[in-house]
Amino acid sequence: MKLNLDKPVVFFDLETTGTNTVQDRIVEISYLKVSPNGNEDMHTRRINPEMHIPEQASAVHGIYDDDVKDCPTFKEVA
């Protein structure tokens, strides 16, 4: 699909510990930036949520506590 862009557009995807926006945390942030000339820049970063990732969430996104134990926290990358 070709986008007719005048300015770059960025798409974000978050993987989290759950769906509660008050208590749950981000475990992965991904973005795709599409420029008007068609260039694309994509980046993914794992985040240590500083809490246990529930099995129900891990079953959806495949990210487990051991996968993020040595990753930076959100505060460190924000």
N, C-alpha and C. Protein backbone atom coordinates (compact mmCIF):
# COMPACT_ATOMS: atom_id res chain seq x y z
N MET A 1 0.85 -1.19 0.00
CA MET A 1 0.00 0.00 0.00
C MET A 1 0.89 1.24 0.00
N LYS A 2 0.64 2.13 -0.92
CA LYS A 2 1.40 3.37 -0.99
C LYS A 2 0.65 4.46 -0.24
N LEU A 3 1.37 5.14 0.66
CA LEU A 3 0.79 6.25 1.41
C LEU A 3 1.18 7.56 0.73
N ASN A 4 0.24 8.48 0.62
CA ASN A 4 0.50 9.79 0.06
C ASN A 4 0.74 10.74 1.23
N LEU A 5 2.01 10.90 1.62
CA LEU A 5 2.35 11.65 2.82
C LEU A 5 3.01 12.98 2.49
N ASP A 6 2.67 14.00 3.28
CA ASP A 6 3.36 15.28 3.23
C ASP A 6 4.40 15.37 4.34
N LYS A 7 4.15 14.64 5.44
CA LYS A 7 5.02 14.61 6.60
C LYS A 7 5.19 13.17 7.04
N PRO A 8 6.26 12.89 7.79
CA PRO A 8 6.43 11.52 8.29
C PRO A 8 5.28 11.13 9.22
N VAL A 9 5.01 9.83 9.28
CA VAL A 9 4.01 9.30 10.20
C VAL A 9 4.66 8.16 10.97
N VAL A 10 4.32 8.05 12.26
CA VAL A 10 4.89 7.02 13.12
C VAL A 10 3.78 6.14 13.67
N PHE A 11 3.97 4.83 13.58
CA PHE A 11 3.03 3.85 14.13
C PHE A 11 3.70 3.19 15.34
N PHE A 12 2.98 3.11 16.46
CA PHE A 12 3.51 2.50 17.69
C PHE A 12 2.79 1.20 17.99
N ASP A 13 3.52 0.27 18.59
CA ASP A 13 2.94 -0.96 19.10
C ASP A 13 3.53 -1.20 20.49
N LEU A 14 2.68 -1.48 21.46
CA LEU A 14 3.11 -1.76 22.83
C LEU A 14 2.73 -3.16 23.23
N GLU A 15 3.62 -3.84 23.93
CA GLU A 15 3.30 -5.09 24.61
C GLU A 15 3.38 -4.77 26.09
N THR A 16 2.42 -5.26 26.87
CA THR A 16 2.31 -4.87 28.26
C THR A 16 2.09 -6.08 29.17
N THR A 17 2.07 -5.80 30.48
CA THR A 17 1.82 -6.85 31.46
C THR A 17 0.33 -7.13 31.60
N GLY A 18 -0.51 -6.33 30.97
CA GLY A 18 -1.97 -6.50 31.04
C GLY A 18 -2.68 -5.33 30.40
N THR A 19 -3.98 -5.23 30.64
CA THR A 19 -4.78 -4.18 30.00
C THR A 19 -5.22 -3.06 30.94
N ASN A 20 -4.81 -3.12 32.19
CA ASN A 20 -5.17 -2.07 33.15
C ASN A 20 -4.18 -0.92 33.00
N THR A 21 -4.66 0.22 32.51
CA THR A 21 -3.76 1.35 32.24
C THR A 21 -3.21 2.00 33.50
N VAL A 22 -3.78 1.70 34.65
CA VAL A 22 -3.30 2.27 35.90
C VAL A 22 -2.17 1.43 36.50
N GLN A 23 -2.30 0.10 36.50
CA GLN A 23 -1.32 -0.72 37.21
C GLN A 23 -0.37 -1.50 36.31
N ASP A 24 -0.73 -1.76 35.06
CA ASP A 24 0.11 -2.58 34.21
C ASP A 24 1.21 -1.75 33.57
N ARG A 25 2.26 -2.44 33.12
CA ARG A 25 3.47 -1.78 32.62
C ARG A 25 3.83 -2.25 31.22
N ILE A 26 4.62 -1.46 30.54
CA ILE A 26 5.10 -1.77 29.19
C ILE A 26 6.28 -2.75 29.29
N VAL A 27 6.28 -3.79 28.43
CA VAL A 27 7.41 -4.72 28.36
C VAL A 27 8.13 -4.64 27.01
N GLU A 28 7.49 -4.04 26.00
CA GLU A 28 8.14 -3.86 24.71
C GLU A 28 7.48 -2.69 23.98
N ILE A 29 8.33 -1.86 23.37
CA ILE A 29 7.88 -0.73 22.56
C ILE A 29 8.45 -0.91 21.16
N SER A 30 7.60 -0.81 20.15
CA SER A 30 8.05 -0.86 18.76
C SER A 30 7.47 0.33 18.02
N TYR A 31 8.25 0.83 17.06
CA TYR A 31 7.70 1.88 16.20
C TYR A 31 8.16 1.68 14.78
N LEU A 32 7.34 2.19 13.87
CA LEU A 32 7.67 2.23 12.45
C LEU A 32 7.42 3.66 11.99
N LYS A 33 8.47 4.32 11.51
CA LYS A 33 8.35 5.67 10.98
C LYS A 33 8.43 5.58 9.46
N VAL A 34 7.41 6.11 8.80
CA VAL A 34 7.36 6.12 7.33
C VAL A 34 7.49 7.57 6.87
N SER A 35 8.50 7.84 6.04
CA SER A 35 8.74 9.18 5.53
C SER A 35 8.04 9.37 4.19
N PRO A 36 7.79 10.62 3.82
CA PRO A 36 7.12 10.89 2.54
C PRO A 36 7.83 10.28 1.33
N ASN A 37 9.16 10.13 1.39
CA ASN A 37 9.90 9.55 0.27
C ASN A 37 9.85 8.02 0.26
N GLY A 38 9.14 7.44 1.24
CA GLY A 38 9.00 5.98 1.29
C GLY A 38 9.98 5.28 2.21
N ASN A 39 10.98 6.01 2.71
CA ASN A 39 11.91 5.40 3.65
C ASN A 39 11.19 4.98 4.93
N GLU A 40 11.62 3.84 5.49
CA GLU A 40 11.04 3.34 6.72
C GLU A 40 12.13 3.12 7.76
N ASP A 41 11.82 3.49 8.99
CA ASP A 41 12.73 3.28 10.12
C ASP A 41 11.94 2.55 11.20
N MET A 42 12.42 1.34 11.56
CA MET A 42 11.70 0.55 12.56
C MET A 42 12.64 0.22 13.70
N HIS A 43 12.11 0.26 14.94
CA HIS A 43 12.91 -0.05 16.12
C HIS A 43 12.04 -0.72 17.16
N THR A 44 12.61 -1.70 17.85
CA THR A 44 11.92 -2.39 18.94
C THR A 44 12.83 -2.41 20.14
N ARG A 45 12.26 -2.16 21.31
CA ARG A 45 13.04 -2.15 22.54
C ARG A 45 12.28 -2.85 23.65
N ARG A 46 12.93 -3.80 24.30
CA ARG A 46 12.35 -4.48 25.46
C ARG A 46 12.56 -3.62 26.70
N ILE A 47 11.60 -3.67 27.60
CA ILE A 47 11.61 -2.86 28.82
C ILE A 47 11.39 -3.78 30.02
N ASN A 48 12.16 -3.57 31.08
CA ASN A 48 11.93 -4.28 32.33
C ASN A 48 10.78 -3.58 33.06
N PRO A 49 9.63 -4.26 33.23
CA PRO A 49 8.48 -3.60 33.85
C PRO A 49 8.57 -3.49 35.36
N GLU A 50 9.62 -4.04 35.95
CA GLU A 50 9.81 -4.03 37.41
C GLU A 50 8.65 -4.69 38.15
N MET A 51 8.02 -5.64 37.49
CA MET A 51 6.95 -6.44 38.10
C MET A 51 6.86 -7.75 37.33
N HIS A 52 6.21 -8.74 37.92
CA HIS A 52 6.01 -10.03 37.27
C HIS A 52 5.11 -9.86 36.05
N ILE A 53 5.47 -10.51 34.95
CA ILE A 53 4.61 -10.52 33.77
C ILE A 53 3.67 -11.72 33.92
N PRO A 54 2.37 -11.49 34.05
CA PRO A 54 1.43 -12.60 34.22
C PRO A 54 1.47 -13.59 33.05
N GLU A 55 1.26 -14.85 33.34
CA GLU A 55 1.27 -15.89 32.31
C GLU A 55 0.27 -15.60 31.19
N GLN A 56 -0.88 -15.00 31.53
CA GLN A 56 -1.89 -14.68 30.51
C GLN A 56 -1.33 -13.69 29.49
N ALA A 57 -0.57 -12.70 29.96
CA ALA A 57 0.02 -11.71 29.06
C ALA A 57 1.14 -12.35 28.24
N SER A 58 1.98 -13.15 28.88
CA SER A 58 3.07 -13.83 28.17
C SER A 58 2.54 -14.75 27.09
N ALA A 59 1.39 -15.37 27.34
CA ALA A 59 0.78 -16.26 26.35
C ALA A 59 0.38 -15.49 25.09
N VAL A 60 0.09 -14.20 25.23
CA VAL A 60 -0.30 -13.37 24.08
C VAL A 60 0.93 -12.88 23.32
N HIS A 61 1.90 -12.27 24.03
CA HIS A 61 3.03 -11.65 23.33
C HIS A 61 4.33 -12.45 23.37
N GLY A 62 4.39 -13.51 24.16
CA GLY A 62 5.57 -14.36 24.18
C GLY A 62 6.77 -13.78 24.92
N ILE A 63 6.56 -12.77 25.74
CA ILE A 63 7.64 -12.16 26.51
C ILE A 63 7.48 -12.57 27.97
N TYR A 64 8.57 -13.10 28.54
CA TYR A 64 8.53 -13.62 29.92
C TYR A 64 9.50 -12.84 30.80
N ASP A 65 9.36 -13.02 32.11
CA ASP A 65 10.21 -12.31 33.07
C ASP A 65 11.69 -12.43 32.73
N ASP A 66 12.15 -13.63 32.41
CA ASP A 66 13.56 -13.84 32.08
C ASP A 66 14.00 -13.06 30.84
N ASP A 67 13.07 -12.80 29.93
CA ASP A 67 13.40 -12.07 28.70
C ASP A 67 13.73 -10.61 28.95
N VAL A 68 13.21 -10.04 30.03
CA VAL A 68 13.38 -8.60 30.30
C VAL A 68 14.14 -8.30 31.58
N LYS A 69 14.62 -9.34 32.28
CA LYS A 69 15.26 -9.11 33.58
C LYS A 69 16.49 -8.20 33.51
N ASP A 70 17.21 -8.23 32.40
CA ASP A 70 18.42 -7.40 32.26
C ASP A 70 18.19 -6.17 31.37
N CYS A 71 16.95 -5.91 31.01
CA CYS A 71 16.62 -4.76 30.15
C CYS A 71 16.48 -3.50 31.01
N PRO A 72 16.62 -2.32 30.38
CA PRO A 72 16.43 -1.08 31.13
C PRO A 72 14.95 -0.90 31.50
N THR A 73 14.70 -0.12 32.54
CA THR A 73 13.34 0.20 32.94
C THR A 73 12.81 1.32 32.03
N PHE A 74 11.51 1.55 32.06
CA PHE A 74 10.92 2.63 31.28
C PHE A 74 11.52 3.97 31.67
N LYS A 75 11.70 4.16 32.96
CA LYS A 75 12.29 5.41 33.46
C LYS A 75 13.67 5.66 32.87
N GLU A 76 14.44 4.59 32.68
CA GLU A 76 15.78 4.71 32.15
C GLU A 76 15.82 5.07 30.66
N VAL A 77 14.80 4.67 29.92
CA VAL A 77 14.79 4.94 28.48
C VAL A 77 13.89 6.10 28.07
N ALA A 78 13.05 6.57 28.97
CA ALA A 78 12.08 7.62 28.62
C ALA A 78 12.73 8.95 28.34
